[in-house]
C-alpha atoms as a PDB file:
ATOM      1  CA  MET A   1       0.000   0.000   0.000  1.00  0.00           C
ATOM      2  CA  GLU A   2       1.432   3.344  -1.007  1.00  0.00           C
ATOM      3  CA  ARG A   3      -0.350   5.407   1.666  1.00  0.00           C
ATOM      4  CA  PRO A   4      -0.227   3.643   5.053  1.00  0.00           C
ATOM      5  CA  VAL A   5      -0.993   6.818   7.018  1.00  0.00           C
ATOM      6  CA  ARG A   6      -4.150   7.347   4.963  1.00  0.00           C
ATOM      7  CA  CYS A   7      -5.235   3.780   5.766  1.00  0.00           C
ATOM      8  CA  ASP A   8      -4.592   4.405   9.475  1.00  0.00           C
ATOM      9  CA  LEU A   9      -6.701   7.567   9.330  1.00  0.00           C
ATOM     10  CA  ILE A  10      -9.517   5.828   7.452  1.00  0.00           C
ATOM     11  CA  GLY A  11      -9.551   3.145  10.134  1.00  0.00           C
ATOM     12  CA  ALA A  12      -9.737   5.736  12.921  1.00  0.00           C
ATOM     13  CA  ARG A  13     -12.413   7.831  11.184  1.00  0.00           C
ATOM     14  CA  ALA A  14     -15.501   6.274  12.759  1.00  0.00           C
ATOM     15  CA  ALA A  15     -13.929   5.845  16.170  1.00  0.00           C
ATOM     16  CA  VAL A  16     -12.502   9.348  16.563  1.00  0.00           C
ATOM     17  CA  PRO A  17     -13.830  12.255  14.439  1.00  0.00           C
ATOM     18  CA  GLU A  18     -17.455  11.117  14.527  1.00  0.00           C
ATOM     19  CA  ARG A  19     -17.535  10.859  18.326  1.00  0.00           C
ATOM     20  CA  ASN A  20     -17.531  13.496  21.048  1.00  0.00           C
ATOM     21  CA  VAL A  21     -18.483  16.374  18.765  1.00  0.00           C
ATOM     22  CA  SER A  22     -21.486  18.659  18.616  1.00  0.00           C
ATOM     23  CA  PRO A  23     -24.388  17.833  16.292  1.00  0.00           C
ATOM     24  CA  GLN A  24     -23.395  20.819  14.139  1.00  0.00           C
ATOM     25  CA  VAL A  25     -19.836  19.554  13.702  1.00  0.00           C
ATOM     26  CA  ALA A  26     -21.113  16.021  13.011  1.00  0.00           C
ATOM     27  CA  ALA A  27     -23.481  17.355  10.329  1.00  0.00           C
ATOM     28  CA  GLN A  28     -20.733  19.471   8.759  1.00  0.00           C
ATOM     29  CA  TYR A  29     -18.373  16.485   8.745  1.00  0.00           C
ATOM     30  CA  THR A  30     -21.032  14.278   7.144  1.00  0.00           C
ATOM     31  CA  ARG A  31     -21.807  16.849   4.424  1.00  0.00           C
ATOM     32  CA  ALA A  32     -18.098  17.125   3.640  1.00  0.00           C
ATOM     33  CA  ALA A  33     -17.726  13.329   3.507  1.00  0.00           C
ATOM     34  CA  ILE A  34     -20.674  13.050   1.102  1.00  0.00           C
ATOM     35  CA  ALA A  35     -19.208  15.758  -1.122  1.00  0.00           C
ATOM     36  CA  ILE A  36     -15.848  13.986  -1.182  1.00  0.00           C
ATOM     37  CA  ALA A  37     -17.471  10.612  -2.024  1.00  0.00           C
ATOM     38  CA  THR A  38     -19.635  11.995  -4.829  1.00  0.00           C
ATOM     39  CA  ALA A  39     -16.881  12.218  -7.463  1.00  0.00           C
ATOM     40  CA  PRO A  40     -15.577   8.652  -7.062  1.00  0.00           C
ATOM     41  CA  ALA A  41     -19.142   7.358  -6.856  1.00  0.00           C
ATOM     42  CA  GLY A  42     -19.872   9.033 -10.179  1.00  0.00           C
ATOM     43  CA  ARG A  43     -16.838   7.353 -11.736  1.00  0.00           C
ATOM     44  CA  VAL A  44     -17.955   3.955 -10.404  1.00  0.00           C
ATOM     45  CA  ALA A  45     -21.517   4.500 -11.648  1.00  0.00           C
ATOM     46  CA  HIS A  46     -20.193   5.356 -15.117  1.00  0.00           C
ATOM     47  CA  HIS A  47     -18.834   1.787 -15.425  1.00  0.00           C
ATOM     48  CA  LEU A  48     -21.957  -0.020 -14.214  1.00  0.00           C
ATOM     49  CA  PRO A  49     -24.178  -1.051 -17.108  1.00  0.00           C
ATOM     50  CA  GLU A  50     -26.601  -3.168 -15.077  1.00  0.00           C
ATOM     51  CA  PRO A  51     -28.698  -0.677 -13.086  1.00  0.00           C
ATOM     52  CA  GLY A  52     -30.128   2.492 -14.543  1.00  0.00           C
ATOM     53  CA  GLU A  53     -28.094   5.688 -14.227  1.00  0.00           C
ATOM     54  CA  ARG A  54     -29.955   6.957 -11.153  1.00  0.00           C
ATOM     55  CA  ASP A  55     -29.870   3.625  -9.345  1.00  0.00           C
ATOM     56  CA  ALA A  56     -26.252   3.027 -10.332  1.00  0.00           C
ATOM     57  CA  PHE A  57     -25.228   6.170  -8.519  1.00  0.00           C
ATOM     58  CA  ARG A  58     -27.603   6.110  -5.581  1.00  0.00           C
ATOM     59  CA  PHE A  59     -27.802   2.456  -4.670  1.00  0.00           C
ATOM     60  CA  VAL A  60     -24.570   1.004  -5.939  1.00  0.00           C
ATOM     61  CA  ALA A  61     -21.763   3.469  -6.488  1.00  0.00           C
ATOM     62  CA  PHE A  62     -22.281   5.675  -3.443  1.00  0.00           C
ATOM     63  CA  ARG A  63     -22.708   2.669  -1.161  1.00  0.00           C
ATOM     64  CA  PHE A  64     -19.681   1.044  -2.765  1.00  0.00           C
ATOM     65  CA  VAL A  65     -17.523   4.108  -2.039  1.00  0.00           C
ATOM     66  CA  ALA A  66     -18.794   4.261   1.551  1.00  0.00           C
ATOM     67  CA  GLY A  67     -18.238   0.532   1.968  1.00  0.00           C
ATOM     68  CA  THR A  68     -14.760   0.831   0.484  1.00  0.00           C
ATOM     69  CA  LEU A  69     -13.792   3.329   3.157  1.00  0.00           C
ATOM     70  CA  MET A  70     -15.162   1.182   5.961  1.00  0.00           C
ATOM     71  CA  VAL A  71     -13.622  -2.027   4.669  1.00  0.00           C
ATOM     72  CA  THR A  72     -10.252  -0.395   3.962  1.00  0.00           C
ATOM     73  CA  GLY A  73      -9.878   0.738   7.560  1.00  0.00           C
ATOM     74  CA  ALA A  74     -10.882  -2.634   8.982  1.00  0.00           C
ATOM     75  CA  VAL A  75      -8.734  -4.722   6.645  1.00  0.00           C
ATOM     76  CA  TRP A  76      -5.742  -2.397   7.145  1.00  0.00           C
ATOM     77  CA  ALA A  77      -5.942  -2.764  10.930  1.00  0.00           C
ATOM     78  CA  HIS A  78      -6.245  -6.558  10.755  1.00  0.00           C
ATOM     79  CA  ALA A  79      -3.518  -6.943   8.124  1.00  0.00           C
ATOM     80  CA  HIS A  80      -1.036  -5.085  10.326  1.00  0.00           C
ATOM     81  CA  PRO A  81      -1.036  -7.059  13.579  1.00  0.00           C
ATOM     82  CA  SER A  82       0.682  -6.060  16.800  1.00  0.00           C
ATOM     83  CA  ALA A  83       4.113  -7.334  17.770  1.00  0.00           C
ATOM     84  CA  ALA A  84       2.465  -9.860  20.102  1.00  0.00           C
ATOM     85  CA  MET A  85       0.333 -11.256  17.279  1.00  0.00           C
ATOM     86  CA  LEU A  86       3.347 -11.474  14.982  1.00  0.00           C
ATOM     87  CA  ALA A  87       5.164 -13.464  17.662  1.00  0.00           C
ATOM     88  CA  ALA A  88       2.121 -15.743  18.041  1.00  0.00           C
ATOM     89  CA  TYR A  89       2.110 -16.320  14.292  1.00  0.00           C
ATOM     90  CA  GLU A  90       5.762 -17.373  14.414  1.00  0.00           C
ATOM     91  CA  GLU A  91       5.111 -19.814  17.273  1.00  0.00           C
ATOM     92  CA  ASP A  92       1.905 -21.419  16.041  1.00  0.00           C
ATOM     93  CA  PRO A  93       0.960 -22.130  12.422  1.00  0.00           C
ATOM     94  CA  PHE A  94      -2.776 -22.244  13.226  1.00  0.00           C
ATOM     95  CA  PRO A  95      -3.285 -18.513  13.901  1.00  0.00           C
ATOM     96  CA  ALA A  96      -0.697 -17.699  11.244  1.00  0.00           C
ATOM     97  CA  ALA A  97      -3.021 -19.249   8.647  1.00  0.00           C
ATOM     98  CA  LEU A  98      -5.571 -16.543   9.478  1.00  0.00           C
ATOM     99  CA  ARG A  99      -3.182 -13.660   8.785  1.00  0.00           C
ATOM    100  CA  LEU A 100      -4.563 -11.253   6.179  1.00  0.00           C
ATOM    101  CA  VAL A 101      -2.674  -9.870   3.208  1.00  0.00           C
ATOM    102  CA  PHE A 102      -3.944  -6.314   2.828  1.00  0.00           C
ATOM    103  CA  ALA A 103      -4.199  -5.878  -0.965  1.00  0.00           C
ATOM    104  CA  ALA A 104      -5.590  -9.348  -1.702  1.00  0.00           C
ATOM    105  CA  THR A 105      -8.103  -9.268   1.154  1.00  0.00           C
ATOM    106  CA  LEU A 106      -9.269  -5.770   0.268  1.00  0.00           C
ATOM    107  CA  ARG A 107      -9.705  -6.661  -3.413  1.00  0.00           C
ATOM    108  CA  GLU A 108     -11.648  -9.840  -2.643  1.00  0.00           C
ATOM    109  CA  THR A 109     -13.886  -8.104  -0.110  1.00  0.00           C
ATOM    110  CA  LEU A 110     -14.650  -5.212  -2.455  1.00  0.00           C
ATOM    111  CA  GLU A 111     -15.480  -7.641  -5.268  1.00  0.00           C
ATOM    112  CA  VAL A 112     -18.012  -9.351  -3.006  1.00  0.00           C
ATOM    113  CA  LEU A 113     -19.425  -5.996  -1.872  1.00  0.00           C
ATOM    114  CA  LEU A 114     -19.861  -4.711  -5.413  1.00  0.00           C
ATOM    115  CA  SER A 115     -21.406  -7.931  -6.716  1.00  0.00           C
ATOM    116  CA  GLY A 116     -23.859  -7.931  -3.808  1.00  0.00           C
ATOM    117  CA  LEU A 117     -24.814  -4.300  -4.421  1.00  0.00           C
ATOM    118  CA  LEU A 118     -25.323  -5.004  -8.121  1.00  0.00           C
ATOM    119  CA  ALA A 119     -27.513  -7.998  -7.319  1.00  0.00           C
ATOM    120  CA  ARG A 120     -29.718  -5.849  -5.082  1.00  0.00           C
ATOM    121  CA  ALA A 121     -29.978  -2.877  -7.503  1.00  0.00           C
END
């Protein structure tokens, strides 16, 4: 991953900036997040022939972008285990088999997310 700090920040997004703030700040943050997600959602919708244009954007692309952010943070955190977990992996092959590879896990998870959204559209 070329931007590990960005992945760390995405993972902390729901736990930190969206908590312990006023309703006005939360609303402002949400409006900004929607504005930021609109452009990539439009690009995703452009490549989706299955649903109609309106549904492609509203029900698939926007949810895909939102899901991508959520999944990226979670997969990043799990693919970069603590020193204790790394030591456990070295000692025992059973938990080591569960270790996630960031790029492959993210790609597979996003493929499942997108195919599910398309099926529901």
